[in-house]
Amino acid sequence: MVNYRIHADSRNSAGVGFVTEKLGLGIKCCELALSSGSARTWEHKIKNAQKAHDTALRFVHRFDFSEHEARRVNQRITHLKTLLAELR
C-alpha cells in the first residue's frame, strides 16, 4: 500500500510539472512571436503556443494540485490566453 501511495504522489508531482512546463512553453512561444519580425516565425510560434495551451488544458484535470499550485497554474493559463488573444 505504501509503495502505491509513493508512486501515486510521484505521478501527481510529475503531472503537475508537465502541466506547468507546457504552460511555460506556450508563454515563451507567445513572447518570441511578439518579438519576431518574421511572419513565418510568428505563425509557427502561435501554433506551438496554442498546442501547448490545449495540451495543458487537456491534462490539468487529471492531477491533484495543492492550493498554491492551482493558483499558479490558473495564473499561467490566464496569462497564456491573454497572450494568444493579443497575437490574433
PDB file of N, CA and C in Angstrom:
ATOM      1  N   MET A   1       0.812  -1.188   0.000  1.00  0.00           N
ATOM      2  CA  MET A   1       0.000   0.000   0.000  1.00  0.00           C
ATOM      3  C   MET A   1       0.859   1.256   0.000  1.00  0.00           C
ATOM      4  N   VAL A   2       1.901   1.283   0.798  1.00  0.00           N
ATOM      5  CA  VAL A   2       2.773   2.448   0.882  1.00  0.00           C
ATOM      6  C   VAL A   2       3.443   2.706  -0.465  1.00  0.00           C
ATOM      7  N   ASN A   3       3.894   1.664  -1.120  1.00  0.00           N
ATOM      8  CA  ASN A   3       4.536   1.834  -2.419  1.00  0.00           C
ATOM      9  C   ASN A   3       3.588   2.461  -3.432  1.00  0.00           C
ATOM     10  N   TYR A   4       2.333   2.040  -3.397  1.00  0.00           N
ATOM     11  CA  TYR A   4       1.353   2.631  -4.311  1.00  0.00           C
ATOM     12  C   TYR A   4       1.181   4.118  -4.014  1.00  0.00           C
ATOM     13  N   ARG A   5       1.136   4.473  -2.744  1.00  0.00           N
ATOM     14  CA  ARG A   5       0.960   5.875  -2.347  1.00  0.00           C
ATOM     15  C   ARG A   5       2.145   6.708  -2.827  1.00  0.00           C
ATOM     16  N   ILE A   6       3.341   6.201  -2.652  1.00  0.00           N
ATOM     17  CA  ILE A   6       4.535   6.914  -3.117  1.00  0.00           C
ATOM     18  C   ILE A   6       4.491   7.050  -4.628  1.00  0.00           C
ATOM     19  N   HIS A   7       4.118   5.978  -5.310  1.00  0.00           N
ATOM     20  CA  HIS A   7       4.021   6.008  -6.763  1.00  0.00           C
ATOM     21  C   HIS A   7       2.969   7.018  -7.213  1.00  0.00           C
ATOM     22  N   ALA A   8       1.820   7.040  -6.551  1.00  0.00           N
ATOM     23  CA  ALA A   8       0.748   7.970  -6.907  1.00  0.00           C
ATOM     24  C   ALA A   8       1.191   9.409  -6.668  1.00  0.00           C
ATOM     25  N   ASP A   9       1.867   9.675  -5.539  1.00  0.00           N
ATOM     26  CA  ASP A   9       2.354  11.019  -5.260  1.00  0.00           C
ATOM     27  C   ASP A   9       3.399  11.448  -6.280  1.00  0.00           C
ATOM     28  N   SER A  10       4.267  10.517  -6.642  1.00  0.00           N
ATOM     29  CA  SER A  10       5.297  10.806  -7.638  1.00  0.00           C
ATOM     30  C   SER A  10       4.666  11.094  -8.992  1.00  0.00           C
ATOM     31  N   ARG A  11       3.654  10.317  -9.347  1.00  0.00           N
ATOM     32  CA  ARG A  11       2.953  10.511 -10.625  1.00  0.00           C
ATOM     33  C   ARG A  11       2.265  11.863 -10.645  1.00  0.00           C
ATOM     34  N   ASN A  12       1.622  12.224  -9.536  1.00  0.00           N
ATOM     35  CA  ASN A  12       0.928  13.504  -9.448  1.00  0.00           C
ATOM     36  C   ASN A  12       1.921  14.654  -9.562  1.00  0.00           C
ATOM     37  N   SER A  13       3.051  14.528  -8.888  1.00  0.00           N
ATOM     38  CA  SER A  13       4.078  15.565  -8.936  1.00  0.00           C
ATOM     39  C   SER A  13       4.609  15.731 -10.358  1.00  0.00           C
ATOM     40  N   ALA A  14       4.821  14.633 -11.042  1.00  0.00           N
ATOM     41  CA  ALA A  14       5.275  14.692 -12.430  1.00  0.00           C
ATOM     42  C   ALA A  14       4.207  15.321 -13.317  1.00  0.00           C
ATOM     43  N   GLY A  15       2.947  15.024 -13.046  1.00  0.00           N
ATOM     44  CA  GLY A  15       1.846  15.593 -13.824  1.00  0.00           C
ATOM     45  C   GLY A  15       1.729  17.086 -13.644  1.00  0.00           C
ATOM     46  N   VAL A  16       1.883  17.539 -12.402  1.00  0.00           N
ATOM     47  CA  VAL A  16       1.854  18.974 -12.127  1.00  0.00           C
ATOM     48  C   VAL A  16       2.993  19.653 -12.875  1.00  0.00           C
ATOM     49  N   GLY A  17       4.169  19.045 -12.841  1.00  0.00           N
ATOM     50  CA  GLY A  17       5.323  19.584 -13.570  1.00  0.00           C
ATOM     51  C   GLY A  17       5.078  19.618 -15.062  1.00  0.00           C
ATOM     52  N   PHE A  18       4.447  18.591 -15.588  1.00  0.00           N
ATOM     53  CA  PHE A  18       4.148  18.527 -17.018  1.00  0.00           C
ATOM     54  C   PHE A  18       3.226  19.676 -17.435  1.00  0.00           C
ATOM     55  N   VAL A  19       2.164  19.896 -16.666  1.00  0.00           N
ATOM     56  CA  VAL A  19       1.204  20.958 -16.995  1.00  0.00           C
ATOM     57  C   VAL A  19       1.873  22.327 -16.922  1.00  0.00           C
ATOM     58  N   THR A  20       2.633  22.582 -15.862  1.00  0.00           N
ATOM     59  CA  THR A  20       3.279  23.892 -15.732  1.00  0.00           C
ATOM     60  C   THR A  20       4.343  24.084 -16.803  1.00  0.00           C
ATOM     61  N   GLU A  21       5.018  23.015 -17.179  1.00  0.00           N
ATOM     62  CA  GLU A  21       6.021  23.109 -18.250  1.00  0.00           C
ATOM     63  C   GLU A  21       5.363  23.455 -19.589  1.00  0.00           C
ATOM     64  N   LYS A  22       4.245  22.833 -19.889  1.00  0.00           N
ATOM     65  CA  LYS A  22       3.530  23.119 -21.143  1.00  0.00           C
ATOM     66  C   LYS A  22       3.053  24.567 -21.170  1.00  0.00           C
ATOM     67  N   LEU A  23       2.531  25.039 -20.056  1.00  0.00           N
ATOM     68  CA  LEU A  23       2.071  26.432 -20.000  1.00  0.00           C
ATOM     69  C   LEU A  23       3.245  27.396 -20.152  1.00  0.00           C
ATOM     70  N   GLY A  24       4.369  27.080 -19.519  1.00  0.00           N
ATOM     71  CA  GLY A  24       5.568  27.911 -19.662  1.00  0.00           C
ATOM     72  C   GLY A  24       6.060  27.937 -21.096  1.00  0.00           C
ATOM     73  N   LEU A  25       6.017  26.804 -21.763  1.00  0.00           N
ATOM     74  CA  LEU A  25       6.417  26.728 -23.165  1.00  0.00           C
ATOM     75  C   LEU A  25       5.505  27.583 -24.035  1.00  0.00           C
ATOM     76  N   GLY A  26       4.208  27.504 -23.783  1.00  0.00           N
ATOM     77  CA  GLY A  26       3.260  28.314 -24.545  1.00  0.00           C
ATOM     78  C   GLY A  26       3.493  29.806 -24.356  1.00  0.00           C
ATOM     79  N   ILE A  27       3.748  30.209 -23.119  1.00  0.00           N
ATOM     80  CA  ILE A  27       4.022  31.625 -22.822  1.00  0.00           C
ATOM     81  C   ILE A  27       5.291  32.063 -23.541  1.00  0.00           C
ATOM     82  N   LYS A  28       6.320  31.241 -23.496  1.00  0.00           N
ATOM     83  CA  LYS A  28       7.591  31.580 -24.159  1.00  0.00           C
ATOM     84  C   LYS A  28       7.394  31.707 -25.673  1.00  0.00           C
ATOM     85  N   CYS A  29       6.626  30.819 -26.267  1.00  0.00           N
ATOM     86  CA  CYS A  29       6.354  30.896 -27.708  1.00  0.00           C
ATOM     87  C   CYS A  29       5.644  32.202 -28.057  1.00  0.00           C
ATOM     88  N   CYS A  30       4.694  32.602 -27.226  1.00  0.00           N
ATOM     89  CA  CYS A  30       3.987  33.867 -27.466  1.00  0.00           C
ATOM     90  C   CYS A  30       4.946  35.052 -27.371  1.00  0.00           C
ATOM     91  N   GLU A  31       5.795  35.041 -26.362  1.00  0.00           N
ATOM     92  CA  GLU A  31       6.757  36.129 -26.194  1.00  0.00           C
ATOM     93  C   GLU A  31       7.705  36.202 -27.379  1.00  0.00           C
ATOM     94  N   LEU A  32       8.128  35.052 -27.882  1.00  0.00           N
ATOM     95  CA  LEU A  32       9.009  35.038 -29.050  1.00  0.00           C
ATOM     96  C   LEU A  32       8.274  35.533 -30.293  1.00  0.00           C
ATOM     97  N   ALA A  33       7.024  35.161 -30.442  1.00  0.00           N
ATOM     98  CA  ALA A  33       6.235  35.625 -31.584  1.00  0.00           C
ATOM     99  C   ALA A  33       6.074  37.139 -31.535  1.00  0.00           C
ATOM    100  N   LEU A  34       5.817  37.677 -30.348  1.00  0.00           N
ATOM    101  CA  LEU A  34       5.643  39.124 -30.200  1.00  0.00           C
ATOM    102  C   LEU A  34       6.911  39.893 -30.534  1.00  0.00           C
ATOM    103  N   SER A  35       8.057  39.279 -30.295  1.00  0.00           N
ATOM    104  CA  SER A  35       9.322  39.968 -30.561  1.00  0.00           C
ATOM    105  C   SER A  35       9.874  39.680 -31.959  1.00  0.00           C
ATOM    106  N   SER A  36       9.203  38.834 -32.717  1.00  0.00           N
ATOM    107  CA  SER A  36       9.686  38.441 -34.035  1.00  0.00           C
ATOM    108  C   SER A  36       9.153  39.367 -35.129  1.00  0.00           C
ATOM    109  N   GLY A  37       9.997  39.638 -36.082  1.00  0.00           N
ATOM    110  CA  GLY A  37       9.579  40.415 -37.240  1.00  0.00           C
ATOM    111  C   GLY A  37       9.205  39.532 -38.418  1.00  0.00           C
ATOM    112  N   SER A  38       9.382  38.249 -38.270  1.00  0.00           N
ATOM    113  CA  SER A  38       9.126  37.294 -39.345  1.00  0.00           C
ATOM    114  C   SER A  38       7.718  36.728 -39.247  1.00  0.00           C
ATOM    115  N   ALA A  39       6.957  36.818 -40.311  1.00  0.00           N
ATOM    116  CA  ALA A  39       5.597  36.281 -40.339  1.00  0.00           C
ATOM    117  C   ALA A  39       5.619  34.758 -40.169  1.00  0.00           C
ATOM    118  N   ARG A  40       6.622  34.129 -40.753  1.00  0.00           N
ATOM    119  CA  ARG A  40       6.717  32.665 -40.650  1.00  0.00           C
ATOM    120  C   ARG A  40       6.964  32.247 -39.198  1.00  0.00           C
ATOM    121  N   THR A  41       7.879  32.933 -38.538  1.00  0.00           N
ATOM    122  CA  THR A  41       8.155  32.644 -37.129  1.00  0.00           C
ATOM    123  C   THR A  41       6.925  32.928 -36.287  1.00  0.00           C
ATOM    124  N   TRP A  42       6.272  34.037 -36.575  1.00  0.00           N
ATOM    125  CA  TRP A  42       5.058  34.451 -35.864  1.00  0.00           C
ATOM    126  C   TRP A  42       4.016  33.330 -35.891  1.00  0.00           C
ATOM    127  N   GLU A  43       3.709  32.854 -37.096  1.00  0.00           N
ATOM    128  CA  GLU A  43       2.694  31.809 -37.251  1.00  0.00           C
ATOM    129  C   GLU A  43       3.107  30.514 -36.565  1.00  0.00           C
ATOM    130  N   HIS A  44       4.373  30.159 -36.720  1.00  0.00           N
ATOM    131  CA  HIS A  44       4.882  28.921 -36.125  1.00  0.00           C
ATOM    132  C   HIS A  44       4.800  28.979 -34.599  1.00  0.00           C
ATOM    133  N   LYS A  45       5.189  30.086 -34.018  1.00  0.00           N
ATOM    134  CA  LYS A  45       5.182  30.225 -32.558  1.00  0.00           C
ATOM    135  C   LYS A  45       3.761  30.270 -32.004  1.00  0.00           C
ATOM    136  N   ILE A  46       2.860  30.923 -32.720  1.00  0.00           N
ATOM    137  CA  ILE A  46       1.461  30.957 -32.276  1.00  0.00           C
ATOM    138  C   ILE A  46       0.871  29.546 -32.301  1.00  0.00           C
ATOM    139  N   LYS A  47       1.168  28.819 -33.350  1.00  0.00           N
ATOM    140  CA  LYS A  47       0.665  27.435 -33.464  1.00  0.00           C
ATOM    141  C   LYS A  47       1.204  26.581 -32.313  1.00  0.00           C
ATOM    142  N   ASN A  48       2.491  26.719 -32.003  1.00  0.00           N
ATOM    143  CA  ASN A  48       3.084  25.964 -30.899  1.00  0.00           C
ATOM    144  C   ASN A  48       2.492  26.384 -29.557  1.00  0.00           C
ATOM    145  N   ALA A  49       2.253  27.675 -29.379  1.00  0.00           N
ATOM    146  CA  ALA A  49       1.664  28.173 -28.135  1.00  0.00           C
ATOM    147  C   ALA A  49       0.251  27.631 -27.956  1.00  0.00           C
ATOM    148  N   GLN A  50      -0.527  27.615 -29.026  1.00  0.00           N
ATOM    149  CA  GLN A  50      -1.895  27.104 -28.949  1.00  0.00           C
ATOM    150  C   GLN A  50      -1.896  25.608 -28.632  1.00  0.00           C
ATOM    151  N   LYS A  51      -0.958  24.894 -29.222  1.00  0.00           N
ATOM    152  CA  LYS A  51      -0.846  23.458 -28.965  1.00  0.00           C
ATOM    153  C   LYS A  51      -0.477  23.209 -27.499  1.00  0.00           C
ATOM    154  N   ALA A  52       0.456  23.992 -26.969  1.00  0.00           N
ATOM    155  CA  ALA A  52       0.848  23.855 -25.564  1.00  0.00           C
ATOM    156  C   ALA A  52      -0.335  24.174 -24.642  1.00  0.00           C
ATOM    157  N   HIS A  53      -1.086  25.205 -24.979  1.00  0.00           N
ATOM    158  CA  HIS A  53      -2.273  25.592 -24.214  1.00  0.00           C
ATOM    159  C   HIS A  53      -3.297  24.454 -24.199  1.00  0.00           C
ATOM    160  N   ASP A  54      -3.587  23.930 -25.367  1.00  0.00           N
ATOM    161  CA  ASP A  54      -4.580  22.856 -25.480  1.00  0.00           C
ATOM    162  C   ASP A  54      -4.146  21.604 -24.716  1.00  0.00           C
ATOM    163  N   THR A  55      -2.867  21.272 -24.805  1.00  0.00           N
ATOM    164  CA  THR A  55      -2.343  20.099 -24.107  1.00  0.00           C
ATOM    165  C   THR A  55      -2.447  20.288 -22.596  1.00  0.00           C
ATOM    166  N   ALA A  56      -2.058  21.454 -22.108  1.00  0.00           N
ATOM    167  CA  ALA A  56      -2.136  21.723 -20.672  1.00  0.00           C
ATOM    168  C   ALA A  56      -3.579  21.632 -20.188  1.00  0.00           C
ATOM    169  N   LEU A  57      -4.512  22.210 -20.930  1.00  0.00           N
ATOM    170  CA  LEU A  57      -5.916  22.162 -20.520  1.00  0.00           C
ATOM    171  C   LEU A  57      -6.470  20.741 -20.538  1.00  0.00           C
ATOM    172  N   ARG A  58      -5.988  19.945 -21.465  1.00  0.00           N
ATOM    173  CA  ARG A  58      -6.460  18.555 -21.551  1.00  0.00           C
ATOM    174  C   ARG A  58      -6.000  17.747 -20.336  1.00  0.00           C
ATOM    175  N   PHE A  59      -4.818  18.059 -19.797  1.00  0.00           N
ATOM    176  CA  PHE A  59      -4.259  17.272 -18.710  1.00  0.00           C
ATOM    177  C   PHE A  59      -4.463  17.881 -17.329  1.00  0.00           C
ATOM    178  N   VAL A  60      -4.821  19.139 -17.233  1.00  0.00           N
ATOM    179  CA  VAL A  60      -4.883  19.829 -15.948  1.00  0.00           C
ATOM    180  C   VAL A  60      -5.857  19.178 -14.970  1.00  0.00           C
ATOM    181  N   HIS A  61      -6.909  18.582 -15.446  1.00  0.00           N
ATOM    182  CA  HIS A  61      -7.918  17.990 -14.581  1.00  0.00           C
ATOM    183  C   HIS A  61      -7.570  16.579 -14.126  1.00  0.00           C
ATOM    184  N   ARG A  62      -6.485  16.039 -14.611  1.00  0.00           N
ATOM    185  CA  ARG A  62      -6.105  14.667 -14.265  1.00  0.00           C
ATOM    186  C   ARG A  62      -5.272  14.579 -12.987  1.00  0.00           C
ATOM    187  N   PHE A  63      -4.860  15.716 -12.453  1.00  0.00           N
ATOM    188  CA  PHE A  63      -3.951  15.708 -11.314  1.00  0.00           C
ATOM    189  C   PHE A  63      -4.506  16.541 -10.169  1.00  0.00           C
ATOM    190  N   ASP A  64      -4.080  16.196  -8.953  1.00  0.00           N
ATOM    191  CA  ASP A  64      -4.479  16.937  -7.758  1.00  0.00           C
ATOM    192  C   ASP A  64      -3.433  18.006  -7.477  1.00  0.00           C
ATOM    193  N   PHE A  65      -3.849  19.255  -7.545  1.00  0.00           N
ATOM    194  CA  PHE A  65      -2.954  20.371  -7.289  1.00  0.00           C
ATOM    195  C   PHE A  65      -3.158  20.877  -5.872  1.00  0.00           C
ATOM    196  N   SER A  66      -2.075  21.292  -5.234  1.00  0.00           N
ATOM    197  CA  SER A  66      -2.219  21.983  -3.962  1.00  0.00           C
ATOM    198  C   SER A  66      -2.856  23.342  -4.262  1.00  0.00           C
ATOM    199  N   GLU A  67      -3.290  24.037  -3.240  1.00  0.00           N
ATOM    200  CA  GLU A  67      -3.911  25.352  -3.446  1.00  0.00           C
ATOM    201  C   GLU A  67      -2.940  26.303  -4.141  1.00  0.00           C
ATOM    202  N   HIS A  68      -1.691  26.282  -3.705  1.00  0.00           N
ATOM    203  CA  HIS A  68      -0.666  27.144  -4.303  1.00  0.00           C
ATOM    204  C   HIS A  68      -0.433  26.785  -5.775  1.00  0.00           C
ATOM    205  N   GLU A  69      -0.305  25.488  -6.052  1.00  0.00           N
ATOM    206  CA  GLU A  69      -0.082  25.043  -7.433  1.00  0.00           C
ATOM    207  C   GLU A  69      -1.273  25.394  -8.320  1.00  0.00           C
ATOM    208  N   ALA A  70      -2.475  25.210  -7.803  1.00  0.00           N
ATOM    209  CA  ALA A  70      -3.686  25.518  -8.583  1.00  0.00           C
ATOM    210  C   ALA A  70      -3.738  27.005  -8.917  1.00  0.00           C
ATOM    211  N   ARG A  71      -3.401  27.840  -7.959  1.00  0.00           N
ATOM    212  CA  ARG A  71      -3.388  29.291  -8.193  1.00  0.00           C
ATOM    213  C   ARG A  71      -2.351  29.643  -9.268  1.00  0.00           C
ATOM    214  N   ARG A  72      -1.185  29.046  -9.146  1.00  0.00           N
ATOM    215  CA  ARG A  72      -0.104  29.305 -10.113  1.00  0.00           C
ATOM    216  C   ARG A  72      -0.496  28.844 -11.523  1.00  0.00           C
ATOM    217  N   VAL A  73      -1.069  27.657 -11.622  1.00  0.00           N
ATOM    218  CA  VAL A  73      -1.493  27.120 -12.924  1.00  0.00           C
ATOM    219  C   VAL A  73      -2.587  27.994 -13.519  1.00  0.00           C
ATOM    220  N   ASN A  74      -3.550  28.396 -12.706  1.00  0.00           N
ATOM    221  CA  ASN A  74      -4.622  29.262 -13.210  1.00  0.00           C
ATOM    222  C   ASN A  74      -4.093  30.611 -13.687  1.00  0.00           C
ATOM    223  N   GLN A  75      -3.114  31.155 -12.986  1.00  0.00           N
ATOM    224  CA  GLN A  75      -2.496  32.412 -13.424  1.00  0.00           C
ATOM    225  C   GLN A  75      -1.789  32.231 -14.772  1.00  0.00           C
ATOM    226  N   ARG A  76      -1.099  31.126 -14.914  1.00  0.00           N
ATOM    227  CA  ARG A  76      -0.399  30.860 -16.180  1.00  0.00           C
ATOM    228  C   ARG A  76      -1.380  30.633 -17.323  1.00  0.00           C
ATOM    229  N   ILE A  77      -2.475  29.931 -17.056  1.00  0.00           N
ATOM    230  CA  ILE A  77      -3.497  29.716 -18.088  1.00  0.00           C
ATOM    231  C   ILE A  77      -4.066  31.057 -18.528  1.00  0.00           C
ATOM    232  N   THR A  78      -4.396  31.909 -17.571  1.00  0.00           N
ATOM    233  CA  THR A  78      -4.943  33.230 -17.878  1.00  0.00           C
ATOM    234  C   THR A  78      -3.937  34.064 -18.666  1.00  0.00           C
ATOM    235  N   HIS A  79      -2.684  34.032 -18.249  1.00  0.00           N
ATOM    236  CA  HIS A  79      -1.642  34.792 -18.947  1.00  0.00           C
ATOM    237  C   HIS A  79      -1.467  34.300 -20.385  1.00  0.00           C
ATOM    238  N   LEU A  80      -1.445  32.996 -20.558  1.00  0.00           N
ATOM    239  CA  LEU A  80      -1.284  32.427 -21.893  1.00  0.00           C
ATOM    240  C   LEU A  80      -2.479  32.768 -22.780  1.00  0.00           C
ATOM    241  N   LYS A  81      -3.688  32.682 -22.236  1.00  0.00           N
ATOM    242  CA  LYS A  81      -4.880  33.047 -23.011  1.00  0.00           C
ATOM    243  C   LYS A  81      -4.820  34.516 -23.441  1.00  0.00           C
ATOM    244  N   THR A  82      -4.364  35.380 -22.549  1.00  0.00           N
ATOM    245  CA  THR A  82      -4.245  36.810 -22.854  1.00  0.00           C
ATOM    246  C   THR A  82      -3.232  37.034 -23.983  1.00  0.00           C
ATOM    247  N   LEU A  83      -2.102  36.370 -23.892  1.00  0.00           N
ATOM    248  CA  LEU A  83      -1.065  36.496 -24.936  1.00  0.00           C
ATOM    249  C   LEU A  83      -1.586  35.983 -26.278  1.00  0.00           C
ATOM    250  N   LEU A  84      -2.252  34.846 -26.266  1.00  0.00           N
ATOM    251  CA  LEU A  84      -2.799  34.296 -27.522  1.00  0.00           C
ATOM    252  C   LEU A  84      -3.835  35.241 -28.125  1.00  0.00           C
ATOM    253  N   ALA A  85      -4.670  35.826 -27.292  1.00  0.00           N
ATOM    254  CA  ALA A  85      -5.676  36.773 -27.786  1.00  0.00           C
ATOM    255  C   ALA A  85      -5.013  38.009 -28.379  1.00  0.00           C
ATOM    256  N   GLU A  86      -3.931  38.438 -27.776  1.00  0.00           N
ATOM    257  CA  GLU A  86      -3.185  39.596 -28.272  1.00  0.00           C
ATOM    258  C   GLU A  86      -2.547  39.318 -29.633  1.00  0.00           C
ATOM    259  N   LEU A  87      -2.156  38.084 -29.840  1.00  0.00           N
ATOM    260  CA  LEU A  87      -1.498  37.718 -31.085  1.00  0.00           C
ATOM    261  C   LEU A  87      -2.471  37.495 -32.253  1.00  0.00           C
ATOM    262  N   ARG A  88      -3.745  37.413 -31.970  1.00  0.00           N
ATOM    263  CA  ARG A  88      -4.722  37.143 -33.032  1.00  0.00           C
ATOM    264  C   ARG A  88      -5.294  38.396 -33.576  1.00  0.00           C
TER     265      ARG A  88
END
